[in-house]
């Protein structure tokens, strides 16, 4: 026991010596740092578990709640978007009166343009108005002339004609010449079309075989210096462009055949062909042509009788 005391006494002495050099500090001085203290660390962990997580969970829960509430917030927007669609469907109804207003504005604009154009025409000099009429006439369509001809009323056949309406020439055989003589007539158009007719009576091949010759027929539209007749010089060798009535053997021939109007080669005034006619009971050769109201026209043709002035012959030229 004493040996153990002695042995332990040495270590005790050394411990005391160390204590003298390094005196022990109070318990508070050797305590752990605040972050490392077990109690505070536990409290800090508990606070981190309870307080911060609670706030974060609340924020997440609020986000989830907002996400869940998004469809509810979108529903009013869908309703707002649905309203323009309904308005688009209703667009045609309010647009109709607006179209009517636009049409009225366009018509008013056209009326104003027409009035201004008429004012300019009144202020234009005479030669400028003639140039305007020339341009409009050059673009005129004569395709309906054939329709006018087809709608003409056929005259009666079998009897001689006396004093037809619209005549611009009445030439009996006694006043005719055995050489080609020019006859003219001028007029101002008062309608959209006119018809030039040659009504010819001959001997039908009997007697002295008197007959008429017709050549170089023209209708000049003086505003544009244009001949508006078709085949007026008969140089096609036939009567294309002309209309014939009563040109039959029964109506025209007596002692010989072929006395109704047809083309011959001699004797003619100009060119190769002219018209021969000696129909006993009168036949008709006519052509219709379009006209511009207010414009001037000049008719010209050449007539000759053969072989002399005798016979009960008569020729009328009419304009209707």
Foldseek 3Di string as FASTA:
>chain_A
DVVVCVVVVVVVVVVVVVCVVPPDDDPVVPDDDQCPDPVNVVVVVVCVVPPPVVVVVVVVVVVVVVVVCVVVVCVVVVVVVVVVVVVVVVVVVVCVVVVVVVVVVVVVVVVVVVVVVVVVVVVDDPVVVLVVVLVVVVPDDFVCQVVVVVPDDADDFQAADDDDPQFPDKDWLQRFAQDKDKDKDKDADADFKKKKKKKKAAAQCDDPPKKKWKADKFKAQVSNRDTFADCRRVQVQWLPQKDKHNQDQVRFHDPDDDQAWIWDQPDYDDDGIIIIHHGHRIMMIMHMGTDDHGTMMMIMIIMHMPDGSDDRIMMTIGMD
